C-alpha cells in the first residue's frame, strides 16, 4: 500500500521535505511507519516519545492501522517561534475549530 506522509517542524528539516510517500506492507500501522522512517532518518528517533500522529487529519495512536491512500502526519512538540504558515498547517491537521463569530459578553454584564 502507498501512504503520504506529512512532516512538520524539526521532522521536516531532518527529512528535507514536508511531504513524502512510502510503500508499506499490508497490516502496517502508524508505529511501523514511524519505525521505518526513523531507520531511514536516524535523527527522527529522538522524537519517538514525544511525537503526535494523525491519520487523514484525525489524531491517531501508534497502533492505528493504515490503508492505501492514507495521509499520515507526524507532529513533534512545538515551542515558541513557529511561523504563521506552520501554525496554519498544523491547525489543518488538527482540525482546530473555527473561532466564535460573535464576541463573548464581558463577565458580570447579565
C-alpha atoms as a PDB file:
ATOM      1  CA  UNK A   1       0.000   0.000   0.000  1.00  0.00           C
ATOM      2  CA  UNK A   2       1.094   3.573  -0.543  1.00  0.00           C
ATOM      3  CA  UNK A   3       0.671   6.331   2.061  1.00  0.00           C
ATOM      4  CA  UNK A   4       1.502  10.007   2.015  1.00  0.00           C
ATOM      5  CA  UNK A   5       3.453  11.339   4.972  1.00  0.00           C
ATOM      6  CA  UNK A   6       3.378  14.961   6.134  1.00  0.00           C
ATOM      7  CA  UNK A   7       6.165  16.169   8.396  1.00  0.00           C
ATOM      8  CA  UNK A   8       6.290  19.324  10.466  1.00  0.00           C
ATOM      9  CA  UNK A   9       8.893  21.489  12.205  1.00  0.00           C
ATOM     10  CA  UNK A  10      12.140  19.677  13.012  1.00  0.00           C
ATOM     11  CA  UNK A  11      10.967  16.421  11.392  1.00  0.00           C
ATOM     12  CA  UNK A  12      10.558  18.267   8.104  1.00  0.00           C
ATOM     13  CA  UNK A  13      14.102  19.614   8.494  1.00  0.00           C
ATOM     14  CA  UNK A  14      15.533  16.150   9.203  1.00  0.00           C
ATOM     15  CA  UNK A  15      13.855  14.557   6.179  1.00  0.00           C
ATOM     16  CA  UNK A  16      14.386  17.563   3.933  1.00  0.00           C
ATOM     17  CA  UNK A  17      10.782  17.637   2.732  1.00  0.00           C
ATOM     18  CA  UNK A  18       7.355  18.500   4.094  1.00  0.00           C
ATOM     19  CA  UNK A  19       5.705  15.578   2.298  1.00  0.00           C
ATOM     20  CA  UNK A  20       6.941  12.176   1.215  1.00  0.00           C
ATOM     21  CA  UNK A  21       5.274   8.969   0.020  1.00  0.00           C
ATOM     22  CA  UNK A  22       6.092   5.494   1.247  1.00  0.00           C
ATOM     23  CA  UNK A  23       5.153   1.964   0.231  1.00  0.00           C
ATOM     24  CA  UNK A  24       4.184  -0.208   3.203  1.00  0.00           C
ATOM     25  CA  UNK A  25       3.189  -3.846   3.598  1.00  0.00           C
ATOM     26  CA  UNK A  26      -0.393  -4.819   4.361  1.00  0.00           C
ATOM     27  CA  UNK A  27      -1.106  -4.591   8.088  1.00  0.00           C
ATOM     28  CA  UNK A  28       1.188  -1.608   8.600  1.00  0.00           C
ATOM     29  CA  UNK A  29       0.423   0.770  11.454  1.00  0.00           C
ATOM     30  CA  UNK A  30       1.334   4.348  12.241  1.00  0.00           C
ATOM     31  CA  UNK A  31       4.012   2.953  14.561  1.00  0.00           C
ATOM     32  CA  UNK A  32       5.555   0.682  11.939  1.00  0.00           C
ATOM     33  CA  UNK A  33       5.672   3.633   9.542  1.00  0.00           C
ATOM     34  CA  UNK A  34       7.369   5.732  12.245  1.00  0.00           C
ATOM     35  CA  UNK A  35       9.953   2.983  12.868  1.00  0.00           C
ATOM     36  CA  UNK A  36      10.673   2.689   9.137  1.00  0.00           C
ATOM     37  CA  UNK A  37      11.174   6.447   8.861  1.00  0.00           C
ATOM     38  CA  UNK A  38      13.381   6.516  11.986  1.00  0.00           C
ATOM     39  CA  UNK A  39      15.534   3.752  10.469  1.00  0.00           C
ATOM     40  CA  UNK A  40      15.849   5.761   7.257  1.00  0.00           C
ATOM     41  CA  UNK A  41      16.392   9.085   9.080  1.00  0.00           C
ATOM     42  CA  UNK A  42      18.059   8.222  12.430  1.00  0.00           C
ATOM     43  CA  UNK A  43      17.740  11.759  13.852  1.00  0.00           C
ATOM     44  CA  UNK A  44      13.967  11.228  13.988  1.00  0.00           C
ATOM     45  CA  UNK A  45      14.373   8.577  16.698  1.00  0.00           C
ATOM     46  CA  UNK A  46      14.973  11.304  19.298  1.00  0.00           C
ATOM     47  CA  UNK A  47      11.316  12.358  18.895  1.00  0.00           C
ATOM     48  CA  UNK A  48       9.768   8.894  19.322  1.00  0.00           C
ATOM     49  CA  UNK A  49       8.392   9.534  22.841  1.00  0.00           C
ATOM     50  CA  UNK A  50       7.004  12.991  22.101  1.00  0.00           C
ATOM     51  CA  UNK A  51       5.698  12.915  18.543  1.00  0.00           C
ATOM     52  CA  UNK A  52       1.970  13.163  17.832  1.00  0.00           C
ATOM     53  CA  UNK A  53       0.443  11.458  14.835  1.00  0.00           C
ATOM     54  CA  UNK A  54      -2.654  11.883  12.725  1.00  0.00           C
ATOM     55  CA  UNK A  55      -4.246   9.799  10.013  1.00  0.00           C
ATOM     56  CA  UNK A  56      -6.415  11.613   7.490  1.00  0.00           C
ATOM     57  CA  UNK A  57      -6.480  14.741   9.679  1.00  0.00           C
ATOM     58  CA  UNK A  58      -7.598  12.920  12.852  1.00  0.00           C
ATOM     59  CA  UNK A  59      -5.284  12.270  15.779  1.00  0.00           C
ATOM     60  CA  UNK A  60      -4.220   8.630  15.800  1.00  0.00           C
ATOM     61  CA  UNK A  61      -2.360   6.304  18.134  1.00  0.00           C
ATOM     62  CA  UNK A  62       0.759   4.494  17.007  1.00  0.00           C
ATOM     63  CA  UNK A  63      -1.171   1.215  16.819  1.00  0.00           C
ATOM     64  CA  UNK A  64      -3.708   2.647  14.339  1.00  0.00           C
ATOM     65  CA  UNK A  65      -3.860   0.568  11.151  1.00  0.00           C
ATOM     66  CA  UNK A  66      -3.106   2.205   7.817  1.00  0.00           C
ATOM     67  CA  UNK A  67      -4.842   1.762   4.475  1.00  0.00           C
ATOM     68  CA  UNK A  68      -3.800   2.501   0.934  1.00  0.00           C
ATOM     69  CA  UNK A  69      -4.005   6.224   0.216  1.00  0.00           C
ATOM     70  CA  UNK A  70      -3.975   7.372   3.852  1.00  0.00           C
ATOM     71  CA  UNK A  71      -2.327  10.659   4.770  1.00  0.00           C
ATOM     72  CA  UNK A  72      -0.220  10.319   7.897  1.00  0.00           C
ATOM     73  CA  UNK A  73       1.134  13.365   9.710  1.00  0.00           C
ATOM     74  CA  UNK A  74       3.854  13.393  12.346  1.00  0.00           C
ATOM     75  CA  UNK A  75       3.981  16.455  14.592  1.00  0.00           C
ATOM     76  CA  UNK A  76       6.838  16.923  17.039  1.00  0.00           C
ATOM     77  CA  UNK A  77       6.350  19.047  20.129  1.00  0.00           C
ATOM     78  CA  UNK A  78       6.460  22.694  19.091  1.00  0.00           C
ATOM     79  CA  UNK A  79       7.561  25.527  21.315  1.00  0.00           C
ATOM     80  CA  UNK A  80       7.571  29.264  20.660  1.00  0.00           C
ATOM     81  CA  UNK A  81       8.904  30.730  17.452  1.00  0.00           C
ATOM     82  CA  UNK A  82       6.755  28.815  14.984  1.00  0.00           C
ATOM     83  CA  UNK A  83       5.982  30.714  11.842  1.00  0.00           C
ATOM     84  CA  UNK A  84       2.409  31.586  10.878  1.00  0.00           C
ATOM     85  CA  UNK A  85       2.459  29.240   7.877  1.00  0.00           C
ATOM     86  CA  UNK A  86       3.478  26.280  10.018  1.00  0.00           C
ATOM     87  CA  UNK A  87       0.840  27.012  12.666  1.00  0.00           C
ATOM     88  CA  UNK A  88      -1.801  27.144   9.921  1.00  0.00           C
ATOM     89  CA  UNK A  89      -0.617  23.791   8.543  1.00  0.00           C
ATOM     90  CA  UNK A  90      -0.720  22.168  11.988  1.00  0.00           C
ATOM     91  CA  UNK A  91      -4.207  23.589  12.566  1.00  0.00           C
ATOM     92  CA  UNK A  92      -5.382  21.968   9.316  1.00  0.00           C
ATOM     93  CA  UNK A  93      -4.116  18.593  10.514  1.00  0.00           C
ATOM     94  CA  UNK A  94      -5.563  19.078  13.986  1.00  0.00           C
ATOM     95  CA  UNK A  95      -8.918  20.342  12.679  1.00  0.00           C
ATOM     96  CA  UNK A  96      -8.905  23.271  15.093  1.00  0.00           C
ATOM     97  CA  UNK A  97     -12.438  24.618  15.449  1.00  0.00           C
ATOM     98  CA  UNK A  98     -13.222  27.984  13.929  1.00  0.00           C
ATOM     99  CA  UNK A  99     -13.239  30.982  16.249  1.00  0.00           C
ATOM    100  CA  UNK A 100     -16.535  32.335  17.553  1.00  0.00           C
ATOM    101  CA  UNK A 101     -18.403  34.542  15.121  1.00  0.00           C
ATOM    102  CA  UNK A 102     -19.847  36.634  17.953  1.00  0.00           C
ATOM    103  CA  UNK A 103     -17.765  38.039  20.797  1.00  0.00           C
ATOM    104  CA  UNK A 104     -18.209  36.795  24.341  1.00  0.00           C
ATOM    105  CA  UNK A 105     -20.076  39.073  26.721  1.00  0.00           C
ATOM    106  CA  UNK A 106     -17.919  40.627  29.437  1.00  0.00           C
ATOM    107  CA  UNK A 107     -18.214  38.908  32.810  1.00  0.00           C
ATOM    108  CA  UNK A 108     -20.978  40.330  35.031  1.00  0.00           C
ATOM    109  CA  UNK A 109     -22.998  42.037  32.277  1.00  0.00           C
ATOM    110  CA  UNK A 110     -26.062  39.836  32.713  1.00  0.00           C
END
